[in-house]
């Protein structure tokens, strides 16, 4: 009997420990990932409760009101241009945009975080409950400027973030739409204006992925003296890897000759990075990519971002080589590509993207404030310094000279990803300002537009120039 009682006590203690752990994890999950539950379309309770609350305002980082409530309904102040520039970050009353602030921060906007005393106060006063004012990290002025320089009629995305804090200053998708004037033409547009390409779009990253492949310096102590010969073509089974400017039909082949790793990065030599991937092997290259976040489940506190992937099937020599050059079955969102550039700028530290600056109750109580969190440390500060040097060379003497700003240390990488179903390549640019007083990184993709150096790099110059003149970290 004594042994039985002892065993029962042990089982009881064990169950209590499990309950405490479960409760603790539940509390942690609600605190960190609760916004995902509120934003879920399956949350019928949240939808029903919204009808009984006047929603709080949504503001940009400077206090500009982007969404408010009139007669219990959502309205969006300002002119059409300003509303269209921020709609994918803010959202719309019809929930056409997934995972926007309107849905993701519903727990604040619709009063789900009210205390019992706050609810009692509204009841005693006979007033309708009001949600919190949510201030986002985005800058609506920047968003409007980005919209003005993005190619008209084209699809794509732009993301700008503070690489020291992770604050997202703009995340825009094109084409856009006016949340106060959703016409039949908007709904029927084949370019899908409701789709948020900045966080949902998964693109083959092209040569921007060479930042990841170049991080091979940890596996090659001889990186500084390493040379590779580019003869313009690399045939691997059914795969023929060539460089930009090659036209086989016309008998024109781009040959770079003997290159150092830095020079190959500067001129964006596909052959060099294909050969480098083969020398490394698929496992090492994949592990490097996964340190940067590929194949991870992005569970960010402030936003939902589609997972980027590094292929794990059909890994022939041709596919491995093409992966090293940024093609194959690779996929990444514009926001993740911005994070990769930001990581290099931030001495190898990748910050988690942040969108919530504050949530303040109608009575003035601050319910939430901006917090920063390190997401990963994919590379060392020494590796980041080498990559910064490479990225700087791209701007001063390589494929990204169109992004150069005299007197400013711009660093970046162009990309032109081949898509079989498109007439032209997708144009990419990722980069940053190597300036502690202006810690800004960005990524740009313009679909079916051609070369990144010709299309995206000039936009980067315009955006960085605007930020140097108009935006300062708070």
Protein backbone atom coordinates (compact mmCIF):
# COMPACT_ATOMS: atom_id res chain seq x y z
CA UNK A 1 0.00 0.00 0.00
CA UNK A 2 2.86 2.40 0.86
CA UNK A 3 4.42 1.75 -2.54
CA UNK A 4 1.09 2.43 -4.23
CA UNK A 5 0.67 5.76 -2.38
CA UNK A 6 4.24 6.71 -3.30
CA UNK A 7 3.59 5.95 -6.95
CA UNK A 8 0.35 7.93 -6.85
CA UNK A 9 2.21 10.94 -5.39
CA UNK A 10 4.84 10.71 -8.11
CA UNK A 11 2.17 10.53 -10.78
CA UNK A 12 0.35 13.50 -9.22
CA UNK A 13 3.54 15.57 -9.12
CA UNK A 14 4.32 14.60 -12.70
CA UNK A 15 0.84 15.64 -13.87
CA UNK A 16 1.10 18.95 -12.00
CA UNK A 17 4.46 19.68 -13.66
CA UNK A 18 2.97 18.86 -17.07
CA UNK A 19 0.00 21.14 -16.38
CA UNK A 20 2.29 24.02 -15.33
CA UNK A 21 4.42 23.55 -18.43
CA UNK A 22 1.34 23.43 -20.65
CA UNK A 23 -0.11 26.54 -19.04
CA UNK A 24 3.22 28.33 -19.38
CA UNK A 25 3.53 27.40 -23.02
CA UNK A 26 -0.06 28.46 -23.60
CA UNK A 27 0.60 31.86 -22.05
CA UNK A 28 3.78 32.23 -24.09
CA UNK A 29 1.96 31.28 -27.30
CA UNK A 30 -0.81 33.80 -26.69
CA UNK A 31 1.71 36.54 -25.91
CA UNK A 32 3.95 35.85 -28.90
CA UNK A 33 1.67 34.35 -31.55
CA UNK A 34 -1.80 35.32 -30.37
CA UNK A 35 -2.20 37.81 -33.24
CA UNK A 36 -2.16 34.87 -35.66
CA UNK A 37 -5.18 33.37 -33.95
CA UNK A 38 -7.12 36.64 -34.07
CA UNK A 39 -6.27 37.18 -37.74
CA UNK A 40 -7.29 33.68 -38.76
CA UNK A 41 -10.35 33.49 -41.01
CA UNK A 42 -11.47 30.52 -38.89
CA UNK A 43 -11.84 32.70 -35.80
CA UNK A 44 -15.61 33.18 -35.86
CA UNK A 45 -15.62 34.55 -32.29
CA UNK A 46 -13.39 37.44 -33.31
CA UNK A 47 -15.61 38.26 -36.29
CA UNK A 48 -18.72 38.36 -34.14
CA UNK A 49 -17.12 40.54 -31.47
CA UNK A 50 -15.94 43.10 -34.01
CA UNK A 51 -19.57 44.09 -34.59
CA UNK A 52 -19.83 45.36 -31.01
CA UNK A 53 -16.72 47.56 -30.96
CA UNK A 54 -15.78 50.82 -32.65
CA UNK A 55 -12.41 49.95 -34.19
CA UNK A 56 -9.35 51.91 -33.17
CA UNK A 57 -7.36 54.04 -35.59
CA UNK A 58 -4.39 52.77 -37.55
CA UNK A 59 -1.56 55.29 -37.84
CA UNK A 60 1.84 55.34 -39.51
CA UNK A 61 5.03 55.89 -37.51
CA UNK A 62 4.61 59.69 -37.72
CA UNK A 63 1.02 59.67 -36.43
CA UNK A 64 -0.67 60.06 -39.81
CA UNK A 65 -4.08 58.38 -39.65
CA UNK A 66 -4.34 55.62 -42.25
CA UNK A 67 -7.62 54.07 -41.11
CA UNK A 68 -10.32 55.35 -38.78
CA UNK A 69 -14.02 54.76 -38.03
CA UNK A 70 -17.02 56.90 -38.95
CA UNK A 71 -20.52 55.85 -37.97
CA UNK A 72 -19.10 52.51 -36.92
CA UNK A 73 -17.56 51.80 -40.33
CA UNK A 74 -13.96 51.74 -41.49
CA UNK A 75 -12.83 54.70 -43.57
CA UNK A 76 -9.44 55.54 -45.02
CA UNK A 77 -8.45 59.22 -44.95
CA UNK A 78 -6.29 61.06 -47.43
CA UNK A 79 -6.26 60.99 -51.20
CA UNK A 80 -6.39 57.91 -53.37
CA UNK A 81 -2.61 57.88 -53.92
CA UNK A 82 -1.85 57.74 -50.20
CA UNK A 83 -4.50 55.08 -49.56
CA UNK A 84 -3.19 52.90 -52.39
CA UNK A 85 0.40 53.23 -51.20
CA UNK A 86 -0.36 51.76 -47.77
CA UNK A 87 -3.31 49.44 -48.41
CA UNK A 88 -1.36 46.16 -48.31
CA UNK A 89 0.15 47.04 -44.94
CA UNK A 90 -3.06 48.53 -43.50
CA UNK A 91 -5.72 46.30 -45.07
CA UNK A 92 -9.28 47.01 -46.13
CA UNK A 93 -12.74 46.62 -44.60
CA UNK A 94 -13.61 43.75 -46.94
CA UNK A 95 -10.65 41.66 -45.76
CA UNK A 96 -9.43 41.33 -49.34
CA UNK A 97 -5.82 41.73 -48.18
CA UNK A 98 -4.63 38.82 -46.08
CA UNK A 99 -2.57 39.31 -42.91
CA UNK A 100 -2.69 43.11 -42.95
CA UNK A 101 -2.66 45.28 -39.81
CA UNK A 102 -6.46 45.34 -39.91
CA UNK A 103 -6.59 41.61 -39.27
CA UNK A 104 -3.26 40.85 -37.65
CA UNK A 105 -3.63 43.48 -34.91
CA UNK A 106 -7.36 42.92 -34.42
CA UNK A 107 -6.79 42.03 -30.76
CA UNK A 108 -5.85 45.67 -30.15
CA UNK A 109 -8.01 47.40 -32.76
CA UNK A 110 -11.20 45.70 -31.60
CA UNK A 111 -10.67 45.76 -27.85
CA UNK A 112 -9.95 42.10 -27.15
CA UNK A 113 -7.17 43.13 -24.77
CA UNK A 114 -9.41 45.28 -22.57
CA UNK A 115 -9.27 44.60 -18.87
CA UNK A 116 -12.35 43.71 -16.88
CA UNK A 117 -12.40 47.20 -15.35
CA UNK A 118 -12.29 48.82 -18.79
CA UNK A 119 -15.23 46.72 -19.94
CA UNK A 120 -17.16 47.56 -16.78
CA UNK A 121 -16.48 51.26 -17.32
CA UNK A 122 -18.00 51.18 -20.81
CA UNK A 123 -21.00 49.23 -19.49
CA UNK A 124 -21.64 51.65 -16.61
CA UNK A 125 -21.34 54.67 -18.90
CA UNK A 126 -23.58 53.04 -21.49
CA UNK A 127 -20.98 53.65 -24.19
CA UNK A 128 -20.00 51.44 -27.07
CA UNK A 129 -16.57 49.89 -26.57
CA UNK A 130 -13.66 51.38 -28.50
CA UNK A 131 -10.52 49.65 -29.66
CA UNK A 132 -6.93 50.76 -29.23
CA UNK A 133 -5.06 53.07 -31.58
CA UNK A 134 -2.38 51.06 -33.38
CA UNK A 135 0.69 52.85 -34.67
CA UNK A 136 2.67 50.98 -37.31
CA UNK A 137 6.37 51.23 -38.11
CA UNK A 138 5.64 52.11 -41.75
CA UNK A 139 6.19 55.62 -43.13
CA UNK A 140 3.30 56.62 -45.39
CA UNK A 141 5.39 59.38 -46.99
CA UNK A 142 7.99 56.81 -48.05
CA UNK A 143 5.24 54.52 -49.33
CA UNK A 144 3.83 57.28 -51.52
CA UNK A 145 7.26 58.04 -52.92
CA UNK A 146 7.95 54.37 -53.68
CA UNK A 147 4.63 54.20 -55.51
CA UNK A 148 5.62 57.20 -57.62
CA UNK A 149 8.86 55.58 -58.84
CA UNK A 150 7.64 52.01 -59.33
CA UNK A 151 7.05 51.26 -63.05
CA UNK A 152 3.43 51.98 -63.91
CA UNK A 153 1.36 48.96 -64.86
CA UNK A 154 3.94 46.45 -63.65
CA UNK A 155 3.67 43.88 -60.86
CA UNK A 156 6.18 43.46 -58.06
CA UNK A 157 7.08 44.53 -54.55
CA UNK A 158 9.28 46.83 -52.48
CA UNK A 159 10.35 46.34 -48.86
CA UNK A 160 12.40 48.80 -46.80
CA UNK A 161 13.49 48.11 -43.25
CA UNK A 162 15.78 49.40 -40.50
CA UNK A 163 18.46 46.74 -40.30
CA UNK A 164 19.40 47.63 -36.71
CA UNK A 165 15.90 47.24 -35.26
CA UNK A 166 13.95 45.22 -37.84
CA UNK A 167 11.33 47.97 -38.23
CA UNK A 168 9.57 47.64 -41.59
CA UNK A 169 9.33 51.13 -43.04
CA UNK A 170 7.30 50.05 -46.03
CA UNK A 171 6.12 46.76 -47.52
CA UNK A 172 4.34 47.39 -50.78
CA UNK A 173 2.84 45.22 -53.47
CA UNK A 174 2.04 46.25 -57.02
CA UNK A 175 -0.42 46.71 -58.58
CA UNK A 176 -2.31 48.29 -55.72
CA UNK A 177 -5.91 49.44 -55.22
CA UNK A 178 -7.93 52.08 -53.38
CA UNK A 179 -9.69 50.52 -50.35
CA UNK A 180 -12.46 53.12 -50.66
CA UNK A 181 -13.14 52.41 -54.30
CA UNK A 182 -12.93 48.69 -55.04
CA UNK A 183 -14.33 48.43 -58.56
CA UNK A 184 -15.10 45.45 -60.76
CA UNK A 185 -11.94 46.23 -62.73
CA UNK A 186 -9.87 45.83 -59.56
CA UNK A 187 -11.46 42.50 -58.76
CA UNK A 188 -10.95 41.21 -62.30
CA UNK A 189 -7.39 42.48 -62.77
CA UNK A 190 -5.28 39.43 -63.77
CA UNK A 191 -2.32 40.90 -61.87
CA UNK A 192 -4.26 40.35 -58.62
CA UNK A 193 -4.10 43.70 -56.76
CA UNK A 194 -5.31 42.11 -53.50
CA UNK A 195 -2.30 39.77 -53.41
CA UNK A 196 0.50 41.05 -51.15
CA UNK A 197 3.62 40.13 -53.10
CA UNK A 198 5.92 41.69 -50.46
CA UNK A 199 5.22 38.96 -47.90
CA UNK A 200 3.25 36.33 -49.84
CA UNK A 201 5.06 36.33 -53.17
CA UNK A 202 7.64 33.56 -53.57
CA UNK A 203 10.18 34.32 -56.28
CA UNK A 204 13.21 32.59 -57.71
CA UNK A 205 15.80 35.03 -56.28
CA UNK A 206 18.26 34.91 -59.17
CA UNK A 207 21.66 36.44 -58.54
CA UNK A 208 20.60 38.01 -55.24
CA UNK A 209 21.04 34.48 -53.82
CA UNK A 210 24.75 34.76 -54.61
CA UNK A 211 25.01 36.58 -51.28
CA UNK A 212 24.21 33.26 -49.64
CA UNK A 213 26.49 31.26 -51.94
CA UNK A 214 29.30 33.75 -51.32
CA UNK A 215 28.99 33.08 -47.59
CA UNK A 216 31.00 29.97 -48.49
CA UNK A 217 34.03 31.88 -47.22
CA UNK A 218 33.55 30.00 -43.95
CA UNK A 219 34.30 26.75 -45.82
CA UNK A 220 37.08 28.12 -48.01
CA UNK A 221 39.97 29.71 -46.11
CA UNK A 222 41.49 30.48 -49.51
CA UNK A 223 38.53 32.65 -50.59
CA UNK A 224 40.76 35.70 -50.96
CA UNK A 225 43.05 33.99 -53.46
CA UNK A 226 40.52 31.61 -54.98
CA UNK A 227 40.26 31.93 -58.78
CA UNK A 228 37.82 30.35 -61.23
CA UNK A 229 37.87 30.40 -65.01
CA UNK A 230 34.62 31.27 -66.76
CA UNK A 231 34.53 30.08 -70.37
CA UNK A 232 30.92 31.17 -70.78
CA UNK A 233 29.20 27.80 -70.67
CA UNK A 234 28.85 24.92 -68.25
CA UNK A 235 27.02 21.85 -69.55
CA UNK A 236 25.69 19.52 -66.85
CA UNK A 237 23.34 16.90 -68.21
CA UNK A 238 20.38 18.73 -69.69
CA UNK A 239 21.40 21.96 -67.99
CA UNK A 240 23.45 24.56 -69.84
CA UNK A 241 24.54 27.37 -67.54
CA UNK A 242 25.39 30.62 -69.27
CA UNK A 243 25.87 34.23 -68.26
CA UNK A 244 23.88 37.37 -68.95
CA UNK A 245 24.31 38.61 -72.50
CA UNK A 246 24.73 35.15 -74.00
CA UNK A 247 22.66 34.52 -77.14
CA UNK A 248 23.22 30.99 -78.36
CA UNK A 249 21.13 31.50 -81.49
CA UNK A 250 23.35 34.39 -82.53
CA UNK A 251 26.52 32.59 -81.50
CA UNK A 252 27.24 35.18 -78.80
CA UNK A 253 28.73 33.87 -75.54
CA UNK A 254 29.67 35.98 -72.49
CA UNK A 255 33.06 34.84 -71.17
CA UNK A 256 34.57 36.40 -68.05
CA UNK A 257 37.85 34.50 -68.12
CA UNK A 258 39.84 34.07 -64.91
CA UNK A 259 38.10 35.62 -61.90
CA UNK A 260 38.57 36.02 -58.17
CA UNK A 261 35.51 35.34 -56.03
CA UNK A 262 35.06 39.08 -55.42
CA UNK A 263 35.28 39.88 -59.14
CA UNK A 264 32.87 37.06 -59.98
CA UNK A 265 30.40 38.51 -57.46
CA UNK A 266 30.89 42.01 -58.85
CA UNK A 267 30.10 41.00 -62.44
CA UNK A 268 27.56 38.38 -61.26
CA UNK A 269 29.20 35.43 -63.04
CA UNK A 270 26.78 32.49 -63.10
CA UNK A 271 29.46 30.03 -64.11
CA UNK A 272 31.67 30.84 -61.12
CA UNK A 273 28.89 30.41 -58.60
CA UNK A 274 27.64 27.27 -60.31
CA UNK A 275 31.11 25.72 -60.09
CA UNK A 276 31.45 26.91 -56.51
CA UNK A 277 28.18 25.16 -55.58
CA UNK A 278 29.42 21.93 -57.13
CA UNK A 279 32.71 22.15 -55.22
CA UNK A 280 30.88 22.79 -51.97
CA UNK A 281 28.28 20.13 -52.44
CA UNK A 282 24.54 20.43 -51.96
CA UNK A 283 24.59 19.72 -48.22
CA UNK A 284 26.94 22.59 -47.32
CA UNK A 285 25.13 25.03 -49.57
CA UNK A 286 21.75 24.03 -48.15
CA UNK A 287 22.97 24.35 -44.56
CA UNK A 288 24.28 27.84 -45.31
CA UNK A 289 20.94 28.78 -46.88
CA UNK A 290 19.03 27.39 -43.90
CA UNK A 291 21.07 29.52 -41.52
CA UNK A 292 19.75 32.50 -43.47
CA UNK A 293 16.16 31.26 -42.94
CA UNK A 294 15.45 29.06 -45.96
CA UNK A 295 13.25 26.05 -45.12
CA UNK A 296 12.34 27.64 -41.78
CA UNK A 297 8.79 28.19 -40.57
CA UNK A 298 8.57 31.96 -40.18
CA UNK A 299 6.65 32.58 -36.97
CA UNK A 300 7.19 36.31 -36.64
CA UNK A 301 5.34 38.17 -33.93
CA UNK A 302 4.12 41.08 -36.06
CA UNK A 303 3.43 39.58 -39.47
CA UNK A 304 2.83 36.46 -41.52
CA UNK A 305 5.51 35.82 -44.15
CA UNK A 306 5.51 32.93 -46.61
CA UNK A 307 8.31 30.45 -46.00
CA UNK A 308 11.29 30.52 -48.34
CA UNK A 309 12.56 27.22 -49.64
CA UNK A 310 15.81 25.59 -50.68
CA UNK A 311 15.07 22.53 -52.84
CA UNK A 312 15.65 19.08 -51.37
CA UNK A 313 14.53 16.91 -54.30
CA UNK A 314 15.89 16.30 -57.81
CA UNK A 315 19.38 17.36 -56.72
CA UNK A 316 21.34 16.55 -59.84
CA UNK A 317 24.65 18.27 -60.59
CA UNK A 318 22.83 20.57 -62.97
CA UNK A 319 20.28 21.60 -60.33
CA UNK A 320 22.93 22.06 -57.63
CA UNK A 321 25.04 24.24 -59.92
CA UNK A 322 22.03 26.29 -61.01
CA UNK A 323 21.05 26.73 -57.34
CA UNK A 324 24.45 28.25 -56.60
CA UNK A 325 23.73 30.86 -59.27
CA UNK A 326 20.29 31.58 -57.74
CA UNK A 327 18.00 29.57 -60.00
CA UNK A 328 16.66 25.98 -59.80
CA UNK A 329 13.70 25.51 -57.43
CA UNK A 330 14.77 28.21 -54.95
CA UNK A 331 12.06 30.55 -53.70
CA UNK A 332 12.04 33.55 -51.37
CA UNK A 333 9.76 36.47 -50.55
CA UNK A 334 10.88 40.08 -51.09
CA UNK A 335 10.75 40.61 -47.32
CA UNK A 336 13.09 37.67 -46.69
CA UNK A 337 15.48 38.93 -49.36
CA UNK A 338 15.50 42.29 -47.58
CA UNK A 339 16.30 40.51 -44.32
CA UNK A 340 19.28 38.79 -45.95
CA UNK A 341 20.72 42.11 -47.14
CA UNK A 342 19.97 43.64 -43.72
CA UNK A 343 21.84 40.79 -42.03
CA UNK A 344 25.03 41.59 -43.94
CA UNK A 345 24.60 45.29 -43.14
CA UNK A 346 24.09 44.50 -39.44
CA UNK A 347 27.39 42.63 -39.04
CA UNK A 348 25.84 39.19 -39.48
CA UNK A 349 22.84 39.69 -37.17
CA UNK A 350 19.42 39.15 -38.76
CA UNK A 351 16.63 40.98 -36.94
CA UNK A 352 13.03 39.80 -36.87
CA UNK A 353 10.83 42.16 -38.93
CA UNK A 354 8.62 44.43 -36.83
CA UNK A 355 5.42 46.25 -37.80
CA UNK A 356 3.89 47.32 -34.45
CA UNK A 357 5.26 50.53 -32.96
CA UNK A 358 2.61 50.92 -30.26
CA UNK A 359 -0.95 50.15 -29.20
CA UNK A 360 -2.62 52.76 -26.97
CA UNK A 361 -6.06 52.50 -25.35
CA UNK A 362 -8.67 55.29 -25.67
CA UNK A 363 -7.80 56.34 -22.11
CA UNK A 364 -4.14 56.75 -23.01
CA UNK A 365 -2.81 53.54 -21.52
CA UNK A 366 0.06 52.09 -23.55
CA UNK A 367 -0.79 48.46 -24.09
CA UNK A 368 2.16 47.55 -26.33
CA UNK A 369 5.35 49.18 -27.59
CA UNK A 370 7.98 48.35 -30.18
CA UNK A 371 10.29 45.55 -29.15
CA UNK A 372 13.22 44.18 -31.12
CA UNK A 373 14.33 40.58 -31.41
CA UNK A 374 17.25 38.86 -33.07
CA UNK A 375 15.96 36.22 -35.47
CA UNK A 376 19.27 34.57 -36.39
CA UNK A 377 23.02 35.09 -36.61
CA UNK A 378 23.79 33.34 -39.90
CA UNK A 379 27.33 34.65 -40.32
CA UNK A 380 30.09 36.20 -38.25
CA UNK A 381 30.94 39.89 -38.26
CA UNK A 382 34.12 39.02 -40.18
CA UNK A 383 32.14 37.22 -42.89
CA UNK A 384 29.70 40.12 -43.05
CA UNK A 385 32.60 42.55 -43.55
CA UNK A 386 33.83 40.53 -46.56
CA UNK A 387 30.34 40.40 -48.06
CA UNK A 388 29.91 44.16 -47.52
CA UNK A 389 33.08 44.67 -49.50
CA UNK A 390 31.71 42.50 -52.31
CA UNK A 391 28.34 44.27 -52.29
CA UNK A 392 30.06 47.65 -52.36
CA UNK A 393 32.09 46.59 -55.42
CA UNK A 394 28.84 45.71 -57.23
CA UNK A 395 27.77 49.35 -56.87
CA UNK A 396 31.10 50.99 -57.68
CA UNK A 397 32.21 48.84 -60.61
CA UNK A 398 29.75 46.01 -61.23
CA UNK A 399 26.19 45.34 -62.27
CA UNK A 400 24.66 47.78 -59.79
CA UNK A 401 26.33 51.07 -60.74
CA UNK A 402 22.89 52.59 -61.45
CA UNK A 403 22.25 52.50 -57.68
CA UNK A 404 25.37 54.51 -56.85
CA UNK A 405 24.95 57.81 -54.96
CA UNK A 406 28.06 60.05 -54.93
CA UNK A 407 29.43 60.43 -51.41
CA UNK A 408 27.18 57.68 -50.01
CA UNK A 409 28.25 54.11 -49.28
CA UNK A 410 25.55 52.12 -51.06
CA UNK A 411 25.99 48.33 -51.11
CA UNK A 412 23.86 45.96 -53.14
CA UNK A 413 23.29 43.06 -55.49
CA UNK A 414 21.30 42.91 -58.69
CA UNK A 415 19.41 39.89 -59.95
CA UNK A 416 17.63 38.81 -63.11
CA UNK A 417 15.73 35.59 -62.50
CA UNK A 418 14.70 33.49 -65.48
CA UNK A 419 11.08 32.35 -65.46
CA UNK A 420 10.05 29.91 -68.20
CA UNK A 421 6.53 31.28 -68.52
CA UNK A 422 7.63 34.91 -68.93
CA UNK A 423 9.02 36.80 -71.89
CA UNK A 424 11.47 38.73 -69.71
CA UNK A 425 13.29 38.01 -66.46
CA UNK A 426 12.16 39.33 -63.09
CA UNK A 427 14.33 42.30 -62.12
CA UNK A 428 15.76 42.31 -58.57
CA UNK A 429 17.84 44.55 -56.36
CA UNK A 430 18.71 44.07 -52.70
CA UNK A 431 20.99 46.39 -50.78
CA UNK A 432 21.60 48.79 -47.94
CA UNK A 433 23.26 52.00 -46.84
CA UNK A 434 26.46 51.22 -44.97
CA UNK A 435 25.86 54.14 -42.63
CA UNK A 436 25.08 53.78 -38.89
CA UNK A 437 23.07 57.01 -38.99
CA UNK A 438 20.90 55.71 -41.83
CA UNK A 439 20.54 51.96 -41.24
CA UNK A 440 18.26 51.17 -44.16
CA UNK A 441 18.03 48.02 -46.27
CA UNK A 442 15.67 47.34 -49.14
CA UNK A 443 14.60 44.77 -51.68
CA UNK A 444 12.92 45.40 -55.01
CA UNK A 445 11.36 43.01 -57.52
CA UNK A 446 9.71 44.03 -60.77
CA UNK A 447 8.09 41.12 -62.54
CA UNK A 448 8.75 40.44 -66.23
CA UNK A 449 10.79 43.63 -66.49
CA UNK A 450 14.27 42.56 -67.63
CA UNK A 451 17.61 43.12 -65.89
CA UNK A 452 17.94 44.07 -62.25
CA UNK A 453 20.79 46.45 -63.01
CA UNK A 454 18.76 48.34 -65.59
CA UNK A 455 15.34 48.35 -63.89
CA UNK A 456 15.61 47.81 -60.12
CA UNK A 457 18.97 49.45 -59.33
CA UNK A 458 17.90 52.95 -60.47
CA UNK A 459 14.82 52.66 -58.25
CA UNK A 460 17.05 51.76 -55.30
CA UNK A 461 19.06 54.93 -55.89
CA UNK A 462 15.89 57.02 -55.90
CA UNK A 463 14.50 55.42 -52.75
CA UNK A 464 17.78 55.65 -50.82
CA UNK A 465 18.19 59.29 -51.90
CA UNK A 466 14.69 60.13 -50.67
CA UNK A 467 15.36 58.45 -47.34
CA UNK A 468 18.62 60.30 -46.80
CA UNK A 469 16.75 63.57 -47.24
CA UNK A 470 13.44 62.80 -45.53
CA UNK A 471 13.73 59.94 -43.03
CA UNK A 472 15.66 59.58 -39.81
CA UNK A 473 15.45 56.68 -37.33
CA UNK A 474 13.38 57.56 -34.26
